[in-house]
Amino acid sequence: MNYFLGVGGVFLFQAVFSYVIILAGTGNGSFVGLGAMLLAVFGIPATAIINLVLIRTHRKNPAMGYIGRLLIVALILPLAQLALLILVSVFRL
């Protein structure tokens, strides 16, 4: 169950979030969609690998702190993509 939520759930969440950001950034002449796609290409597998390693190292004695680390790692990519979208819309790049 830990692997299903910690790796698969995060993978699905990031894929859907990236798709939404790509759709939100298209049509206005900026490269938000391309930037979000490039971030997703490298960020989603990296996040899955990092979460897999974190879950495997804390498998014997799970602590409450590792769930916070999983959440932080899982939210880095969506926050970076959202920041890219906000920067482009605010500064009209």
PDB file of N, CA and C in Angstrom:
ATOM      1  N   MET A   1       0.816  -1.188   0.000  1.00  0.00           N
ATOM      2  CA  MET A   1       0.000   0.000   0.000  1.00  0.00           C
ATOM      3  C   MET A   1       0.864   1.259   0.000  1.00  0.00           C
ATOM      4  N   ASN A   2       2.001   1.197   0.718  1.00  0.00           N
ATOM      5  CA  ASN A   2       2.882   2.364   0.741  1.00  0.00           C
ATOM      6  C   ASN A   2       3.409   2.690  -0.645  1.00  0.00           C
ATOM      7  N   TYR A   3       3.799   1.649  -1.392  1.00  0.00           N
ATOM      8  CA  TYR A   3       4.324   1.878  -2.738  1.00  0.00           C
ATOM      9  C   TYR A   3       3.234   2.394  -3.667  1.00  0.00           C
ATOM     10  N   PHE A   4       2.034   1.884  -3.491  1.00  0.00           N
ATOM     11  CA  PHE A   4       0.924   2.306  -4.347  1.00  0.00           C
ATOM     12  C   PHE A   4       0.647   3.790  -4.184  1.00  0.00           C
ATOM     13  N   LEU A   5       0.586   4.276  -2.966  1.00  0.00           N
ATOM     14  CA  LEU A   5       0.310   5.692  -2.727  1.00  0.00           C
ATOM     15  C   LEU A   5       1.552   6.564  -2.884  1.00  0.00           C
ATOM     16  N   GLY A   6       2.662   6.105  -2.335  1.00  0.00           N
ATOM     17  CA  GLY A   6       3.870   6.921  -2.324  1.00  0.00           C
ATOM     18  C   GLY A   6       4.534   7.063  -3.676  1.00  0.00           C
ATOM     19  N   VAL A   7       4.395   6.060  -4.534  1.00  0.00           N
ATOM     20  CA  VAL A   7       5.012   6.129  -5.854  1.00  0.00           C
ATOM     21  C   VAL A   7       3.941   6.288  -6.933  1.00  0.00           C
ATOM     22  N   GLY A   8       2.974   5.397  -6.962  1.00  0.00           N
ATOM     23  CA  GLY A   8       1.943   5.431  -8.002  1.00  0.00           C
ATOM     24  C   GLY A   8       1.011   6.618  -7.884  1.00  0.00           C
ATOM     25  N   GLY A   9       0.573   6.926  -6.685  1.00  0.00           N
ATOM     26  CA  GLY A   9      -0.328   8.059  -6.485  1.00  0.00           C
ATOM     27  C   GLY A   9       0.344   9.384  -6.800  1.00  0.00           C
ATOM     28  N   VAL A  10       1.585   9.518  -6.377  1.00  0.00           N
ATOM     29  CA  VAL A  10       2.341  10.735  -6.667  1.00  0.00           C
ATOM     30  C   VAL A  10       2.601  10.850  -8.167  1.00  0.00           C
ATOM     31  N   PHE A  11       2.922   9.735  -8.809  1.00  0.00           N
ATOM     32  CA  PHE A  11       3.138   9.715 -10.256  1.00  0.00           C
ATOM     33  C   PHE A  11       1.887  10.186 -10.992  1.00  0.00           C
ATOM     34  N   LEU A  12       0.743   9.663 -10.607  1.00  0.00           N
ATOM     35  CA  LEU A  12      -0.517  10.047 -11.243  1.00  0.00           C
ATOM     36  C   LEU A  12      -0.854  11.509 -10.972  1.00  0.00           C
ATOM     37  N   PHE A  13      -0.682  11.947  -9.726  1.00  0.00           N
ATOM     38  CA  PHE A  13      -0.960  13.340  -9.379  1.00  0.00           C
ATOM     39  C   PHE A  13      -0.088  14.293 -10.191  1.00  0.00           C
ATOM     40  N   GLN A  14       1.204  14.001 -10.283  1.00  0.00           N
ATOM     41  CA  GLN A  14       2.098  14.880 -11.016  1.00  0.00           C
ATOM     42  C   GLN A  14       1.816  14.869 -12.515  1.00  0.00           C
ATOM     43  N   ALA A  15       1.433  13.719 -13.041  1.00  0.00           N
ATOM     44  CA  ALA A  15       1.113  13.641 -14.468  1.00  0.00           C
ATOM     45  C   ALA A  15      -0.127  14.467 -14.789  1.00  0.00           C
ATOM     46  N   VAL A  16      -1.157  14.361 -13.964  1.00  0.00           N
ATOM     47  CA  VAL A  16      -2.385  15.133 -14.192  1.00  0.00           C
ATOM     48  C   VAL A  16      -2.128  16.623 -13.999  1.00  0.00           C
ATOM     49  N   PHE A  17      -1.388  16.974 -12.961  1.00  0.00           N
ATOM     50  CA  PHE A  17      -1.081  18.382 -12.709  1.00  0.00           C
ATOM     51  C   PHE A  17      -0.258  18.964 -13.849  1.00  0.00           C
ATOM     52  N   SER A  18       0.709  18.211 -14.347  1.00  0.00           N
ATOM     53  CA  SER A  18       1.524  18.676 -15.468  1.00  0.00           C
ATOM     54  C   SER A  18       0.676  18.870 -16.709  1.00  0.00           C
ATOM     55  N   TYR A  19      -0.251  17.969 -16.956  1.00  0.00           N
ATOM     56  CA  TYR A  19      -1.142  18.088 -18.109  1.00  0.00           C
ATOM     57  C   TYR A  19      -2.005  19.346 -18.006  1.00  0.00           C
ATOM     58  N   VAL A  20      -2.500  19.625 -16.820  1.00  0.00           N
ATOM     59  CA  VAL A  20      -3.327  20.824 -16.620  1.00  0.00           C
ATOM     60  C   VAL A  20      -2.500  22.091 -16.844  1.00  0.00           C
ATOM     61  N   ILE A  21      -1.276  22.120 -16.353  1.00  0.00           N
ATOM     62  CA  ILE A  21      -0.415  23.283 -16.550  1.00  0.00           C
ATOM     63  C   ILE A  21      -0.059  23.440 -18.024  1.00  0.00           C
ATOM     64  N   ILE A  22       0.188  22.325 -18.711  1.00  0.00           N
ATOM     65  CA  ILE A  22       0.490  22.397 -20.144  1.00  0.00           C
ATOM     66  C   ILE A  22      -0.700  22.968 -20.903  1.00  0.00           C
ATOM     67  N   LEU A  23      -1.903  22.523 -20.556  1.00  0.00           N
ATOM     68  CA  LEU A  23      -3.094  23.059 -21.217  1.00  0.00           C
ATOM     69  C   LEU A  23      -3.328  24.530 -20.881  1.00  0.00           C
ATOM     70  N   ALA A  24      -3.028  24.912 -19.647  1.00  0.00           N
ATOM     71  CA  ALA A  24      -3.238  26.302 -19.241  1.00  0.00           C
ATOM     72  C   ALA A  24      -2.234  27.236 -19.901  1.00  0.00           C
ATOM     73  N   GLY A  25      -1.078  26.725 -20.265  1.00  0.00           N
ATOM     74  CA  GLY A  25      -0.046  27.582 -20.837  1.00  0.00           C
ATOM     75  C   GLY A  25      -0.004  27.605 -22.342  1.00  0.00           C
ATOM     76  N   THR A  26      -0.929  26.962 -22.999  1.00  0.00           N
ATOM     77  CA  THR A  26      -0.883  26.951 -24.462  1.00  0.00           C
ATOM     78  C   THR A  26      -1.761  28.051 -25.033  1.00  0.00           C
ATOM     79  N   GLY A  27      -1.412  28.504 -26.229  1.00  0.00           N
ATOM     80  CA  GLY A  27      -2.257  29.434 -26.952  1.00  0.00           C
ATOM     81  C   GLY A  27      -1.930  30.888 -26.774  1.00  0.00           C
ATOM     82  N   ASN A  28      -1.034  31.241 -25.865  1.00  0.00           N
ATOM     83  CA  ASN A  28      -0.748  32.658 -25.684  1.00  0.00           C
ATOM     84  C   ASN A  28       0.643  33.041 -26.173  1.00  0.00           C
ATOM     85  N   GLY A  29       1.314  32.161 -26.878  1.00  0.00           N
ATOM     86  CA  GLY A  29       2.604  32.473 -27.461  1.00  0.00           C
ATOM     87  C   GLY A  29       3.784  32.294 -26.529  1.00  0.00           C
ATOM     88  N   SER A  30       3.556  31.876 -25.300  1.00  0.00           N
ATOM     89  CA  SER A  30       4.675  31.672 -24.383  1.00  0.00           C
ATOM     90  C   SER A  30       5.096  30.205 -24.398  1.00  0.00           C
ATOM     91  N   PHE A  31       6.171  29.943 -23.729  1.00  0.00           N
ATOM     92  CA  PHE A  31       6.705  28.592 -23.683  1.00  0.00           C
ATOM     93  C   PHE A  31       6.415  27.908 -22.342  1.00  0.00           C
ATOM     94  N   VAL A  32       5.317  28.253 -21.701  1.00  0.00           N
ATOM     95  CA  VAL A  32       4.959  27.628 -20.425  1.00  0.00           C
ATOM     96  C   VAL A  32       4.675  26.152 -20.607  1.00  0.00           C
ATOM     97  N   GLY A  33       3.943  25.808 -21.654  1.00  0.00           N
ATOM     98  CA  GLY A  33       3.631  24.401 -21.900  1.00  0.00           C
ATOM     99  C   GLY A  33       4.880  23.581 -22.148  1.00  0.00           C
ATOM    100  N   LEU A  34       5.811  24.122 -22.914  1.00  0.00           N
ATOM    101  CA  LEU A  34       7.060  23.422 -23.184  1.00  0.00           C
ATOM    102  C   LEU A  34       7.891  23.298 -21.915  1.00  0.00           C
ATOM    103  N   GLY A  35       7.972  24.366 -21.141  1.00  0.00           N
ATOM    104  CA  GLY A  35       8.727  24.323 -19.889  1.00  0.00           C
ATOM    105  C   GLY A  35       8.130  23.343 -18.903  1.00  0.00           C
ATOM    106  N   ALA A  36       6.801  23.318 -18.797  1.00  0.00           N
ATOM    107  CA  ALA A  36       6.139  22.372 -17.901  1.00  0.00           C
ATOM    108  C   ALA A  36       6.361  20.939 -18.363  1.00  0.00           C
ATOM    109  N   MET A  37       6.349  20.727 -19.686  1.00  0.00           N
ATOM    110  CA  MET A  37       6.583  19.384 -20.205  1.00  0.00           C
ATOM    111  C   MET A  37       8.016  18.936 -19.936  1.00  0.00           C
ATOM    112  N   LEU A  38       8.974  19.823 -20.139  1.00  0.00           N
ATOM    113  CA  LEU A  38      10.363  19.461 -19.879  1.00  0.00           C
ATOM    114  C   LEU A  38      10.618  19.207 -18.398  1.00  0.00           C
ATOM    115  N   LEU A  39      10.008  20.009 -17.539  1.00  0.00           N
ATOM    116  CA  LEU A  39      10.121  19.752 -16.108  1.00  0.00           C
ATOM    117  C   LEU A  39       9.502  18.403 -15.742  1.00  0.00           C
ATOM    118  N   ALA A  40       8.376  18.081 -16.369  1.00  0.00           N
ATOM    119  CA  ALA A  40       7.694  16.822 -16.069  1.00  0.00           C
ATOM    120  C   ALA A  40       8.478  15.613 -16.570  1.00  0.00           C
ATOM    121  N   VAL A  41       9.124  15.750 -17.721  1.00  0.00           N
ATOM    122  CA  VAL A  41       9.872  14.624 -18.279  1.00  0.00           C
ATOM    123  C   VAL A  41      10.981  14.188 -17.334  1.00  0.00           C
ATOM    124  N   PHE A  42      11.642  15.142 -16.711  1.00  0.00           N
ATOM    125  CA  PHE A  42      12.714  14.796 -15.792  1.00  0.00           C
ATOM    126  C   PHE A  42      12.236  14.681 -14.344  1.00  0.00           C
ATOM    127  N   GLY A  43      11.241  15.465 -13.975  1.00  0.00           N
ATOM    128  CA  GLY A  43      10.808  15.520 -12.580  1.00  0.00           C
ATOM    129  C   GLY A  43       9.963  14.347 -12.124  1.00  0.00           C
ATOM    130  N   ILE A  44       9.082  13.849 -12.972  1.00  0.00           N
ATOM    131  CA  ILE A  44       8.198  12.758 -12.561  1.00  0.00           C
ATOM    132  C   ILE A  44       8.980  11.470 -12.294  1.00  0.00           C
ATOM    133  N   PRO A  45       9.856  11.026 -13.194  1.00  0.00           N
ATOM    134  CA  PRO A  45      10.628   9.813 -12.866  1.00  0.00           C
ATOM    135  C   PRO A  45      11.585  10.020 -11.690  1.00  0.00           C
ATOM    136  N   ALA A  46      12.179  11.205 -11.582  1.00  0.00           N
ATOM    137  CA  ALA A  46      13.083  11.464 -10.457  1.00  0.00           C
ATOM    138  C   ALA A  46      12.324  11.410  -9.137  1.00  0.00           C
ATOM    139  N   THR A  47      11.129  11.977  -9.099  1.00  0.00           N
ATOM    140  CA  THR A  47      10.316  11.929  -7.892  1.00  0.00           C
ATOM    141  C   THR A  47       9.917  10.500  -7.545  1.00  0.00           C
ATOM    142  N   ALA A  48       9.566   9.716  -8.550  1.00  0.00           N
ATOM    143  CA  ALA A  48       9.198   8.319  -8.302  1.00  0.00           C
ATOM    144  C   ALA A  48      10.372   7.539  -7.735  1.00  0.00           C
ATOM    145  N   ILE A  49      11.553   7.756  -8.267  1.00  0.00           N
ATOM    146  CA  ILE A  49      12.733   7.046  -7.762  1.00  0.00           C
ATOM    147  C   ILE A  49      13.070   7.478  -6.347  1.00  0.00           C
ATOM    148  N   ILE A  50      13.028   8.773  -6.077  1.00  0.00           N
ATOM    149  CA  ILE A  50      13.335   9.268  -4.735  1.00  0.00           C
ATOM    150  C   ILE A  50      12.320   8.751  -3.724  1.00  0.00           C
ATOM    151  N   ASN A  51      11.035   8.769  -4.073  1.00  0.00           N
ATOM    152  CA  ASN A  51      10.010   8.260  -3.162  1.00  0.00           C
ATOM    153  C   ASN A  51      10.160   6.756  -2.950  1.00  0.00           C
ATOM    154  N   LEU A  52      10.520   6.024  -3.985  1.00  0.00           N
ATOM    155  CA  LEU A  52      10.743   4.588  -3.848  1.00  0.00           C
ATOM    156  C   LEU A  52      11.885   4.308  -2.874  1.00  0.00           C
ATOM    157  N   VAL A  53      12.963   5.067  -2.993  1.00  0.00           N
ATOM    158  CA  VAL A  53      14.097   4.886  -2.084  1.00  0.00           C
ATOM    159  C   VAL A  53      13.714   5.263  -0.658  1.00  0.00           C
ATOM    160  N   LEU A  54      12.978   6.361  -0.499  1.00  0.00           N
ATOM    161  CA  LEU A  54      12.546   6.762   0.849  1.00  0.00           C
ATOM    162  C   LEU A  54      11.641   5.718   1.492  1.00  0.00           C
ATOM    163  N   ILE A  55      10.741   5.158   0.726  1.00  0.00           N
ATOM    164  CA  ILE A  55       9.832   4.147   1.282  1.00  0.00           C
ATOM    165  C   ILE A  55      10.597   2.879   1.631  1.00  0.00           C
ATOM    166  N   ARG A  56      11.528   2.480   0.772  1.00  0.00           N
ATOM    167  CA  ARG A  56      12.297   1.256   1.033  1.00  0.00           C
ATOM    168  C   ARG A  56      13.199   1.394   2.250  1.00  0.00           C
ATOM    169  N   THR A  57      13.767   2.577   2.484  1.00  0.00           N
ATOM    170  CA  THR A  57      14.644   2.748   3.642  1.00  0.00           C
ATOM    171  C   THR A  57      13.872   2.808   4.952  1.00  0.00           C
ATOM    172  N   HIS A  58      12.632   3.229   4.918  1.00  0.00           N
ATOM    173  CA  HIS A  58      11.820   3.317   6.135  1.00  0.00           C
ATOM    174  C   HIS A  58      10.771   2.204   6.208  1.00  0.00           C
ATOM    175  N   ARG A  59      11.008   1.115   5.494  1.00  0.00           N
ATOM    176  CA  ARG A  59      10.024   0.034   5.453  1.00  0.00           C
ATOM    177  C   ARG A  59       9.974  -0.732   6.773  1.00  0.00           C
ATOM    178  N   LYS A  60      11.121  -0.959   7.397  1.00  0.00           N
ATOM    179  CA  LYS A  60      11.160  -1.753   8.637  1.00  0.00           C
ATOM    180  C   LYS A  60      10.516  -1.030   9.807  1.00  0.00           C
ATOM    181  N   ASN A  61      10.883   0.216  10.000  1.00  0.00           N
ATOM    182  CA  ASN A  61      10.315   0.989  11.107  1.00  0.00           C
ATOM    183  C   ASN A  61       9.864   2.353  10.591  1.00  0.00           C
ATOM    184  N   PRO A  62       8.625   2.422  10.107  1.00  0.00           N
ATOM    185  CA  PRO A  62       8.151   3.700   9.538  1.00  0.00           C
ATOM    186  C   PRO A  62       7.988   4.760  10.622  1.00  0.00           C
ATOM    187  N   ALA A  63       8.513   5.911  10.348  1.00  0.00           N
ATOM    188  CA  ALA A  63       8.388   7.049  11.252  1.00  0.00           C
ATOM    189  C   ALA A  63       7.457   8.071  10.619  1.00  0.00           C
ATOM    190  N   MET A  64       6.919   8.922  11.424  1.00  0.00           N
ATOM    191  CA  MET A  64       5.997   9.931  10.916  1.00  0.00           C
ATOM    192  C   MET A  64       6.732  10.978  10.075  1.00  0.00           C
ATOM    193  N   GLY A  65       8.018  11.164  10.318  1.00  0.00           N
ATOM    194  CA  GLY A  65       8.776  12.178   9.603  1.00  0.00           C
ATOM    195  C   GLY A  65       8.989  11.876   8.135  1.00  0.00           C
ATOM    196  N   TYR A  66       9.020  10.600   7.780  1.00  0.00           N
ATOM    197  CA  TYR A  66       9.281  10.284   6.382  1.00  0.00           C
ATOM    198  C   TYR A  66       8.077  10.589   5.502  1.00  0.00           C
ATOM    199  N   ILE A  67       6.895  10.640   6.054  1.00  0.00           N
ATOM    200  CA  ILE A  67       5.720  11.030   5.274  1.00  0.00           C
ATOM    201  C   ILE A  67       5.829  12.499   4.875  1.00  0.00           C
ATOM    202  N   GLY A  68       6.338  13.310   5.767  1.00  0.00           N
ATOM    203  CA  GLY A  68       6.568  14.710   5.438  1.00  0.00           C
ATOM    204  C   GLY A  68       7.601  14.865   4.338  1.00  0.00           C
ATOM    205  N   ARG A  69       8.655  14.050   4.371  1.00  0.00           N
ATOM    206  CA  ARG A  69       9.662  14.095   3.311  1.00  0.00           C
ATOM    207  C   ARG A  69       9.072  13.658   1.980  1.00  0.00           C
ATOM    208  N   LEU A  70       8.205  12.655   2.016  1.00  0.00           N
ATOM    209  CA  LEU A  70       7.548  12.213   0.784  1.00  0.00           C
ATOM    210  C   LEU A  70       6.690  13.327   0.196  1.00  0.00           C
ATOM    211  N   LEU A  71       5.971  14.030   1.043  1.00  0.00           N
ATOM    212  CA  LEU A  71       5.126  15.129   0.566  1.00  0.00           C
ATOM    213  C   LEU A  71       5.952  16.280   0.005  1.00  0.00           C
ATOM    214  N   ILE A  72       7.052  16.594   0.664  1.00  0.00           N
ATOM    215  CA  ILE A  72       7.905  17.675   0.172  1.00  0.00           C
ATOM    216  C   ILE A  72       8.472  17.334  -1.196  1.00  0.00           C
ATOM    217  N   VAL A  73       8.960  16.105  -1.345  1.00  0.00           N
ATOM    218  CA  VAL A  73       9.516  15.678  -2.629  1.00  0.00           C
ATOM    219  C   VAL A  73       8.427  15.660  -3.698  1.00  0.00           C
ATOM    220  N   ALA A  74       7.228  15.247  -3.324  1.00  0.00           N
ATOM    221  CA  ALA A  74       6.134  15.151  -4.288  1.00  0.00           C
ATOM    222  C   ALA A  74       5.626  16.513  -4.735  1.00  0.00           C
ATOM    223  N   LEU A  75       5.800  17.546  -3.927  1.00  0.00           N
ATOM    224  CA  LEU A  75       5.260  18.861  -4.272  1.00  0.00           C
ATOM    225  C   LEU A  75       6.268  19.784  -4.935  1.00  0.00           C
ATOM    226  N   ILE A  76       7.513  19.356  -5.076  1.00  0.00           N
ATOM    227  CA  ILE A  76       8.516  20.212  -5.707  1.00  0.00           C
ATOM    228  C   ILE A  76       8.163  20.484  -7.162  1.00  0.00           C
ATOM    229  N   LEU A  77       7.848  19.450  -7.917  1.00  0.00           N
ATOM    230  CA  LEU A  77       7.541  19.617  -9.347  1.00  0.00           C
ATOM    231  C   LEU A  77       6.282  20.449  -9.578  1.00  0.00           C
ATOM    232  N   PRO A  78       5.155  20.158  -8.923  1.00  0.00           N
ATOM    233  CA  PRO A  78       3.975  21.002  -9.165  1.00  0.00           C
ATOM    234  C   PRO A  78       4.188  22.469  -8.779  1.00  0.00           C
ATOM    235  N   LEU A  79       4.934  22.709  -7.705  1.00  0.00           N
ATOM    236  CA  LEU A  79       5.194  24.094  -7.320  1.00  0.00           C
ATOM    237  C   LEU A  79       6.099  24.796  -8.330  1.00  0.00           C
ATOM    238  N   ALA A  80       7.068  24.086  -8.884  1.00  0.00           N
ATOM    239  CA  ALA A  80       7.940  24.679  -9.912  1.00  0.00           C
ATOM    240  C   ALA A  80       7.143  25.004 -11.172  1.00  0.00           C
ATOM    241  N   GLN A  81       6.247  24.116 -11.561  1.00  0.00           N
ATOM    242  CA  GLN A  81       5.433  24.373 -12.748  1.00  0.00           C
ATOM    243  C   GLN A  81       4.454  25.512 -12.512  1.00  0.00           C
ATOM    244  N   LEU A  82       3.874  25.569 -11.337  1.00  0.00           N
ATOM    245  CA  LEU A  82       2.964  26.661 -11.008  1.00  0.00           C
ATOM    246  C   LEU A  82       3.712  27.991 -10.951  1.00  0.00           C
ATOM    247  N   ALA A  83       4.919  27.983 -10.417  1.00  0.00           N
ATOM    248  CA  ALA A  83       5.725  29.204 -10.390  1.00  0.00           C
ATOM    249  C   ALA A  83       6.064  29.665 -11.798  1.00  0.00           C
ATOM    250  N   LEU A  84       6.343  28.725 -12.691  1.00  0.00           N
ATOM    251  CA  LEU A  84       6.616  29.076 -14.087  1.00  0.00           C
ATOM    252  C   LEU A  84       5.401  29.731 -14.724  1.00  0.00           C
ATOM    253  N   LEU A  85       4.226  29.176 -14.496  1.00  0.00           N
ATOM    254  CA  LEU A  85       3.001  29.743 -15.049  1.00  0.00           C
ATOM    255  C   LEU A  85       2.731  31.135 -14.476  1.00  0.00           C
ATOM    256  N   ILE A  86       2.934  31.310 -13.189  1.00  0.00           N
ATOM    257  CA  ILE A  86       2.701  32.611 -12.555  1.00  0.00           C
ATOM    258  C   ILE A  86       3.707  33.648 -13.045  1.00  0.00           C
ATOM    259  N   LEU A  87       4.977  33.260 -13.149  1.00  0.00           N
ATOM    260  CA  LEU A  87       5.990  34.191 -13.630  1.00  0.00           C
ATOM    261  C   LEU A  87       5.704  34.674 -15.041  1.00  0.00           C
ATOM    262  N   VAL A  88       5.286  33.769 -15.899  1.00  0.00           N
ATOM    263  CA  VAL A  88       5.005  34.153 -17.270  1.00  0.00           C
ATOM    264  C   VAL A  88       3.770  35.047 -17.328  1.00  0.00           C
ATOM    265  N   SER A  89       2.774  34.765 -16.520  1.00  0.00           N
ATOM    266  CA  SER A  89       1.557  35.588 -16.577  1.00  0.00           C
ATOM    267  C   SER A  89       1.755  36.955 -15.922  1.00  0.00           C
ATOM    268  N   VAL A  90       2.589  37.026 -14.887  1.00  0.00           N
ATOM    269  CA  VAL A  90       2.814  38.307 -14.210  1.00  0.00           C
ATOM    270  C   VAL A  90       3.745  39.210 -15.018  1.00  0.00           C
ATOM    271  N   PHE A  91       4.847  38.640 -15.506  1.00  0.00           N
ATOM    272  CA  PHE A  91       5.828  39.450 -16.219  1.00  0.00           C
ATOM    273  C   PHE A  91       5.627  39.460 -17.727  1.00  0.00           C
ATOM    274  N   ARG A  92       4.622  38.760 -18.198  1.00  0.00           N
ATOM    275  CA  ARG A  92       4.266  38.696 -19.615  1.00  0.00           C
ATOM    276  C   ARG A  92       5.468  38.343 -20.487  1.00  0.00           C
ATOM    277  N   LEU A  93       6.117  37.278 -20.127  1.00  0.00           N
ATOM    278  CA  LEU A  93       7.300  36.820 -20.882  1.00  0.00           C
ATOM    279  C   LEU A  93       6.926  36.078 -22.130  1.00  0.00           C
TER     280      LEU A  93
END
